[in-house]
Amino acid sequence: MIENYTYVLMFLIGGSAMVLVAMVISWALRPSKPSKAKLTPYECGEIPAQSDSYFQFNIRYYLFGLLFVIFDVEVILFIPLVKVFNNWPAVAFIELTFFTVILSIGLYYAWKKGALEWE
């Protein structure tokens, strides 16, 4: 049993070492010529238009992103249920159906509220 944890520990140490070596090599090989222009904040190639960083934006962007995350998580949760489908076909089918119905109701609600309208 402890051998399995040894392999996991070896992979964690090896992976961490590879990341650290790659970071050190990229740090050592990068050019370093700082100037005043390079040290200024960069916002899409423009000088910042506002001195205050707080500004309002349309809530639809947030809702659209939230809906994307919800349905992305749905796809991720389907994968284990499909894997279990071979062992317990009736239970997995009921869970998939129930989960899909709940998310479909949420999508219908968002659609009716106009959250998917892109103006």
N, C-alpha and C. Protein backbone atom coordinates (compact mmCIF):
# COMPACT_ATOMS: atom_id res chain seq x y z
N MET A 1 0.82 -1.20 0.00
CA MET A 1 0.00 0.00 0.00
C MET A 1 0.86 1.26 0.00
N ILE A 2 1.94 1.24 0.78
CA ILE A 2 2.79 2.43 0.87
C ILE A 2 3.53 2.67 -0.44
N GLU A 3 3.72 1.61 -1.26
CA GLU A 3 4.41 1.77 -2.53
C GLU A 3 3.64 2.70 -3.46
N ASN A 4 2.30 2.63 -3.40
CA ASN A 4 1.49 3.50 -4.24
C ASN A 4 1.71 4.97 -3.89
N TYR A 5 1.81 5.27 -2.60
CA TYR A 5 2.06 6.64 -2.18
C TYR A 5 3.48 7.07 -2.54
N THR A 6 4.40 6.13 -2.57
CA THR A 6 5.76 6.46 -2.97
C THR A 6 5.80 6.91 -4.42
N TYR A 7 5.05 6.23 -5.29
CA TYR A 7 4.99 6.63 -6.70
C TYR A 7 4.37 8.02 -6.84
N VAL A 8 3.32 8.28 -6.10
CA VAL A 8 2.69 9.60 -6.16
C VAL A 8 3.66 10.68 -5.69
N LEU A 9 4.36 10.41 -4.61
CA LEU A 9 5.34 11.37 -4.10
C LEU A 9 6.47 11.60 -5.10
N MET A 10 6.91 10.52 -5.76
CA MET A 10 7.96 10.65 -6.77
C MET A 10 7.48 11.51 -7.94
N PHE A 11 6.24 11.31 -8.39
CA PHE A 11 5.71 12.12 -9.48
C PHE A 11 5.55 13.59 -9.06
N LEU A 12 5.12 13.85 -7.84
CA LEU A 12 4.99 15.22 -7.37
C LEU A 12 6.35 15.91 -7.31
N ILE A 13 7.34 15.22 -6.77
CA ILE A 13 8.68 15.80 -6.68
C ILE A 13 9.26 16.00 -8.08
N GLY A 14 9.11 15.01 -8.94
CA GLY A 14 9.63 15.13 -10.31
C GLY A 14 8.94 16.24 -11.09
N GLY A 15 7.63 16.35 -10.96
CA GLY A 15 6.91 17.41 -11.65
C GLY A 15 7.29 18.79 -11.13
N SER A 16 7.41 18.91 -9.82
CA SER A 16 7.82 20.19 -9.24
C SER A 16 9.23 20.57 -9.68
N ALA A 17 10.12 19.59 -9.72
CA ALA A 17 11.49 19.86 -10.15
C ALA A 17 11.52 20.31 -11.61
N MET A 18 10.72 19.68 -12.45
CA MET A 18 10.70 20.08 -13.87
C MET A 18 10.20 21.51 -14.03
N VAL A 19 9.17 21.87 -13.27
CA VAL A 19 8.65 23.24 -13.34
C VAL A 19 9.69 24.24 -12.86
N LEU A 20 10.35 23.93 -11.75
CA LEU A 20 11.37 24.84 -11.23
C LEU A 20 12.55 24.99 -12.18
N VAL A 21 12.98 23.87 -12.79
CA VAL A 21 14.09 23.94 -13.74
C VAL A 21 13.69 24.79 -14.96
N ALA A 22 12.47 24.61 -15.46
CA ALA A 22 12.02 25.40 -16.60
C ALA A 22 11.94 26.88 -16.25
N MET A 23 11.49 27.22 -15.04
CA MET A 23 11.43 28.62 -14.63
C MET A 23 12.82 29.23 -14.50
N VAL A 24 13.77 28.48 -13.94
CA VAL A 24 15.13 28.99 -13.79
C VAL A 24 15.78 29.19 -15.15
N ILE A 25 15.60 28.25 -16.05
CA ILE A 25 16.19 28.37 -17.39
C ILE A 25 15.60 29.58 -18.13
N SER A 26 14.26 29.75 -18.06
CA SER A 26 13.66 30.90 -18.75
C SER A 26 14.09 32.21 -18.11
N TRP A 27 14.28 32.25 -16.79
CA TRP A 27 14.75 33.45 -16.12
C TRP A 27 16.18 33.77 -16.54
N ALA A 28 17.01 32.72 -16.69
CA ALA A 28 18.42 32.93 -17.04
C ALA A 28 18.59 33.36 -18.50
N LEU A 29 17.72 32.91 -19.39
CA LEU A 29 17.88 33.18 -20.81
C LEU A 29 17.13 34.41 -21.30
N ARG A 30 16.27 34.99 -20.51
CA ARG A 30 15.46 36.12 -20.98
C ARG A 30 16.31 37.37 -21.06
N PRO A 31 15.99 38.24 -22.02
CA PRO A 31 16.70 39.51 -22.07
C PRO A 31 16.16 40.45 -21.00
N SER A 32 17.04 41.23 -20.41
CA SER A 32 16.63 42.16 -19.36
C SER A 32 17.16 43.54 -19.70
N LYS A 33 16.30 44.36 -20.33
CA LYS A 33 16.66 45.74 -20.66
C LYS A 33 15.50 46.63 -20.23
N PRO A 34 15.38 46.90 -18.94
CA PRO A 34 14.25 47.73 -18.49
C PRO A 34 14.39 49.17 -18.96
N SER A 35 13.26 49.77 -19.26
CA SER A 35 13.22 51.18 -19.62
C SER A 35 11.95 51.78 -19.02
N LYS A 36 11.83 53.10 -19.13
CA LYS A 36 10.66 53.75 -18.55
C LYS A 36 9.38 53.30 -19.26
N ALA A 37 9.44 53.13 -20.57
CA ALA A 37 8.27 52.71 -21.33
C ALA A 37 7.84 51.29 -20.96
N LYS A 38 8.81 50.42 -20.69
CA LYS A 38 8.47 49.04 -20.33
C LYS A 38 7.89 48.92 -18.93
N LEU A 39 8.17 49.86 -18.07
CA LEU A 39 7.69 49.79 -16.70
C LEU A 39 6.33 50.46 -16.49
N THR A 40 5.76 51.08 -17.53
CA THR A 40 4.44 51.70 -17.40
C THR A 40 3.35 50.64 -17.53
N PRO A 41 2.17 50.88 -16.94
CA PRO A 41 1.08 49.92 -17.07
C PRO A 41 0.64 49.80 -18.52
N TYR A 42 0.33 48.60 -18.93
CA TYR A 42 -0.07 48.33 -20.31
C TYR A 42 -1.53 47.94 -20.35
N GLU A 43 -2.33 48.71 -21.07
CA GLU A 43 -3.74 48.39 -21.21
C GLU A 43 -4.10 48.47 -22.69
N CYS A 44 -3.96 47.38 -23.39
CA CYS A 44 -4.34 47.27 -24.80
C CYS A 44 -3.64 48.30 -25.67
N GLY A 45 -2.46 48.67 -25.32
CA GLY A 45 -1.71 49.60 -26.14
C GLY A 45 -2.09 51.04 -25.96
N GLU A 46 -2.99 51.34 -25.05
CA GLU A 46 -3.46 52.70 -24.83
C GLU A 46 -3.02 53.20 -23.47
N ILE A 47 -2.91 54.49 -23.35
CA ILE A 47 -2.69 55.10 -22.05
C ILE A 47 -3.98 54.95 -21.27
N PRO A 48 -3.94 54.60 -19.98
CA PRO A 48 -5.18 54.41 -19.23
C PRO A 48 -6.07 55.64 -19.31
N ALA A 49 -7.36 55.42 -19.64
CA ALA A 49 -8.29 56.51 -19.85
C ALA A 49 -8.80 57.08 -18.53
N GLN A 50 -8.82 56.29 -17.50
CA GLN A 50 -9.35 56.72 -16.22
C GLN A 50 -8.27 56.62 -15.15
N SER A 51 -8.33 57.53 -14.23
CA SER A 51 -7.39 57.41 -13.12
C SER A 51 -7.93 56.44 -12.08
N ASP A 52 -9.26 56.30 -12.03
CA ASP A 52 -9.90 55.39 -11.09
C ASP A 52 -10.12 54.05 -11.78
N SER A 53 -9.79 52.97 -11.11
CA SER A 53 -9.93 51.65 -11.73
C SER A 53 -11.35 51.11 -11.64
N TYR A 54 -12.23 51.76 -10.89
CA TYR A 54 -13.61 51.30 -10.75
C TYR A 54 -14.46 51.86 -11.88
N PHE A 55 -15.12 51.00 -12.59
CA PHE A 55 -16.08 51.43 -13.59
C PHE A 55 -17.15 50.36 -13.71
N GLN A 56 -18.31 50.75 -14.15
CA GLN A 56 -19.42 49.82 -14.27
C GLN A 56 -19.40 49.18 -15.65
N PHE A 57 -19.81 47.92 -15.69
CA PHE A 57 -19.95 47.24 -16.96
C PHE A 57 -21.28 46.50 -16.96
N ASN A 58 -21.71 46.11 -18.13
CA ASN A 58 -23.01 45.46 -18.29
C ASN A 58 -23.01 44.11 -17.58
N ILE A 59 -24.05 43.84 -16.81
CA ILE A 59 -24.15 42.61 -16.04
C ILE A 59 -24.31 41.40 -16.96
N ARG A 60 -24.68 41.61 -18.21
CA ARG A 60 -24.87 40.48 -19.14
C ARG A 60 -23.58 39.71 -19.37
N TYR A 61 -22.46 40.40 -19.31
CA TYR A 61 -21.18 39.70 -19.46
C TYR A 61 -21.00 38.68 -18.34
N TYR A 62 -21.34 39.09 -17.14
CA TYR A 62 -21.23 38.20 -15.98
C TYR A 62 -22.19 37.03 -16.12
N LEU A 63 -23.42 37.29 -16.51
CA LEU A 63 -24.41 36.21 -16.65
C LEU A 63 -24.02 35.23 -17.75
N PHE A 64 -23.51 35.76 -18.84
CA PHE A 64 -23.09 34.89 -19.94
C PHE A 64 -21.94 33.99 -19.50
N GLY A 65 -20.97 34.55 -18.77
CA GLY A 65 -19.85 33.75 -18.25
C GLY A 65 -20.32 32.73 -17.24
N LEU A 66 -21.27 33.11 -16.39
CA LEU A 66 -21.80 32.19 -15.39
C LEU A 66 -22.52 31.02 -16.05
N LEU A 67 -23.30 31.30 -17.08
CA LEU A 67 -23.98 30.21 -17.80
C LEU A 67 -22.96 29.29 -18.47
N PHE A 68 -21.89 29.86 -19.01
CA PHE A 68 -20.87 29.02 -19.61
C PHE A 68 -20.24 28.09 -18.57
N VAL A 69 -19.94 28.62 -17.39
CA VAL A 69 -19.33 27.80 -16.34
C VAL A 69 -20.29 26.70 -15.91
N ILE A 70 -21.57 27.02 -15.77
CA ILE A 70 -22.56 26.02 -15.35
C ILE A 70 -22.60 24.86 -16.34
N PHE A 71 -22.67 25.16 -17.63
CA PHE A 71 -22.78 24.08 -18.60
C PHE A 71 -21.44 23.39 -18.84
N ASP A 72 -20.35 24.07 -18.56
CA ASP A 72 -19.04 23.42 -18.61
C ASP A 72 -18.92 22.41 -17.48
N VAL A 73 -19.39 22.77 -16.29
CA VAL A 73 -19.39 21.84 -15.16
C VAL A 73 -20.33 20.67 -15.44
N GLU A 74 -21.42 20.92 -16.14
CA GLU A 74 -22.34 19.84 -16.49
C GLU A 74 -21.63 18.78 -17.32
N VAL A 75 -20.87 19.21 -18.29
CA VAL A 75 -20.15 18.26 -19.13
C VAL A 75 -19.13 17.48 -18.31
N ILE A 76 -18.45 18.17 -17.40
CA ILE A 76 -17.45 17.50 -16.55
C ILE A 76 -18.11 16.47 -15.64
N LEU A 77 -19.30 16.77 -15.14
CA LEU A 77 -19.99 15.83 -14.26
C LEU A 77 -20.62 14.67 -15.02
N PHE A 78 -20.85 14.83 -16.30
CA PHE A 78 -21.40 13.72 -17.09
C PHE A 78 -20.39 12.59 -17.26
N ILE A 79 -19.13 12.92 -17.32
CA ILE A 79 -18.12 11.90 -17.62
C ILE A 79 -18.09 10.78 -16.58
N PRO A 80 -18.04 11.06 -15.27
CA PRO A 80 -18.05 9.95 -14.31
C PRO A 80 -19.37 9.17 -14.32
N LEU A 81 -20.47 9.87 -14.55
CA LEU A 81 -21.75 9.16 -14.59
C LEU A 81 -21.84 8.22 -15.79
N VAL A 82 -21.29 8.62 -16.90
CA VAL A 82 -21.28 7.74 -18.07
C VAL A 82 -20.39 6.54 -17.81
N LYS A 83 -19.30 6.75 -17.08
CA LYS A 83 -18.40 5.64 -16.73
C LYS A 83 -19.10 4.64 -15.82
N VAL A 84 -19.92 5.14 -14.90
CA VAL A 84 -20.64 4.27 -13.96
C VAL A 84 -21.85 3.64 -14.64
N PHE A 85 -22.26 4.18 -15.77
CA PHE A 85 -23.47 3.71 -16.44
C PHE A 85 -23.43 2.21 -16.71
N ASN A 86 -22.24 1.65 -16.93
CA ASN A 86 -22.14 0.21 -17.19
C ASN A 86 -22.46 -0.62 -15.95
N ASN A 87 -22.12 -0.13 -14.76
CA ASN A 87 -22.34 -0.89 -13.54
C ASN A 87 -23.76 -0.76 -13.02
N TRP A 88 -24.31 0.46 -13.04
CA TRP A 88 -25.67 0.70 -12.53
C TRP A 88 -26.45 1.47 -13.59
N PRO A 89 -26.93 0.83 -14.61
CA PRO A 89 -27.55 1.57 -15.72
C PRO A 89 -28.80 2.35 -15.32
N ALA A 90 -29.66 1.80 -14.47
CA ALA A 90 -30.90 2.50 -14.13
C ALA A 90 -30.62 3.72 -13.26
N VAL A 91 -29.77 3.57 -12.26
CA VAL A 91 -29.47 4.68 -11.35
C VAL A 91 -28.76 5.81 -12.11
N ALA A 92 -27.79 5.46 -12.93
CA ALA A 92 -27.06 6.48 -13.68
C ALA A 92 -27.98 7.20 -14.66
N PHE A 93 -28.87 6.46 -15.30
CA PHE A 93 -29.80 7.08 -16.25
C PHE A 93 -30.73 8.06 -15.55
N ILE A 94 -31.22 7.68 -14.38
CA ILE A 94 -32.11 8.58 -13.62
C ILE A 94 -31.35 9.83 -13.18
N GLU A 95 -30.12 9.66 -12.72
CA GLU A 95 -29.32 10.82 -12.30
C GLU A 95 -29.02 11.75 -13.47
N LEU A 96 -28.63 11.17 -14.61
CA LEU A 96 -28.36 12.00 -15.78
C LEU A 96 -29.61 12.75 -16.23
N THR A 97 -30.74 12.08 -16.23
CA THR A 97 -31.98 12.71 -16.64
C THR A 97 -32.36 13.84 -15.69
N PHE A 98 -32.29 13.58 -14.38
CA PHE A 98 -32.64 14.58 -13.39
C PHE A 98 -31.72 15.80 -13.49
N PHE A 99 -30.43 15.55 -13.62
CA PHE A 99 -29.45 16.63 -13.72
C PHE A 99 -29.68 17.46 -14.98
N THR A 100 -29.96 16.80 -16.08
CA THR A 100 -30.20 17.50 -17.34
C THR A 100 -31.49 18.31 -17.28
N VAL A 101 -32.51 17.78 -16.64
CA VAL A 101 -33.78 18.52 -16.51
C VAL A 101 -33.58 19.78 -15.68
N ILE A 102 -32.85 19.67 -14.57
CA ILE A 102 -32.60 20.85 -13.72
C ILE A 102 -31.84 21.92 -14.50
N LEU A 103 -30.80 21.53 -15.23
CA LEU A 103 -30.04 22.51 -15.98
C LEU A 103 -30.83 23.06 -17.17
N SER A 104 -31.70 22.26 -17.73
CA SER A 104 -32.55 22.74 -18.83
C SER A 104 -33.54 23.78 -18.32
N ILE A 105 -34.06 23.58 -17.12
CA ILE A 105 -34.96 24.58 -16.53
C ILE A 105 -34.20 25.88 -16.31
N GLY A 106 -32.97 25.79 -15.83
CA GLY A 106 -32.16 26.99 -15.64
C GLY A 106 -31.86 27.69 -16.96
N LEU A 107 -31.56 26.93 -18.00
CA LEU A 107 -31.31 27.51 -19.32
C LEU A 107 -32.56 28.18 -19.86
N TYR A 108 -33.73 27.54 -19.69
CA TYR A 108 -34.99 28.13 -20.15
C TYR A 108 -35.27 29.44 -19.41
N TYR A 109 -35.03 29.46 -18.10
CA TYR A 109 -35.23 30.66 -17.30
C TYR A 109 -34.31 31.79 -17.78
N ALA A 110 -33.04 31.47 -18.00
CA ALA A 110 -32.09 32.48 -18.47
C ALA A 110 -32.48 32.99 -19.85
N TRP A 111 -32.96 32.10 -20.70
CA TRP A 111 -33.36 32.48 -22.04
C TRP A 111 -34.56 33.42 -21.99
N LYS A 112 -35.54 33.10 -21.16
CA LYS A 112 -36.74 33.94 -21.04
C LYS A 112 -36.43 35.30 -20.42
N LYS A 113 -35.45 35.35 -19.50
CA LYS A 113 -35.07 36.61 -18.88
C LYS A 113 -34.22 37.48 -19.83
N GLY A 114 -33.76 36.89 -20.93
CA GLY A 114 -32.96 37.66 -21.89
C GLY A 114 -31.48 37.66 -21.59
N ALA A 115 -31.01 36.74 -20.76
CA ALA A 115 -29.59 36.72 -20.41
C ALA A 115 -28.72 36.28 -21.58
N LEU A 116 -29.31 35.61 -22.55
CA LEU A 116 -28.52 35.14 -23.69
C LEU A 116 -28.57 36.10 -24.87
N GLU A 117 -29.26 37.21 -24.73
CA GLU A 117 -29.31 38.21 -25.79
C GLU A 117 -28.02 39.01 -25.79
N TRP A 118 -27.41 39.13 -26.93
CA TRP A 118 -26.13 39.84 -27.05
C TRP A 118 -26.36 41.08 -27.89
N GLU A 119 -26.46 42.22 -27.23
CA GLU A 119 -26.76 43.47 -27.93
C GLU A 119 -25.53 44.32 -28.08
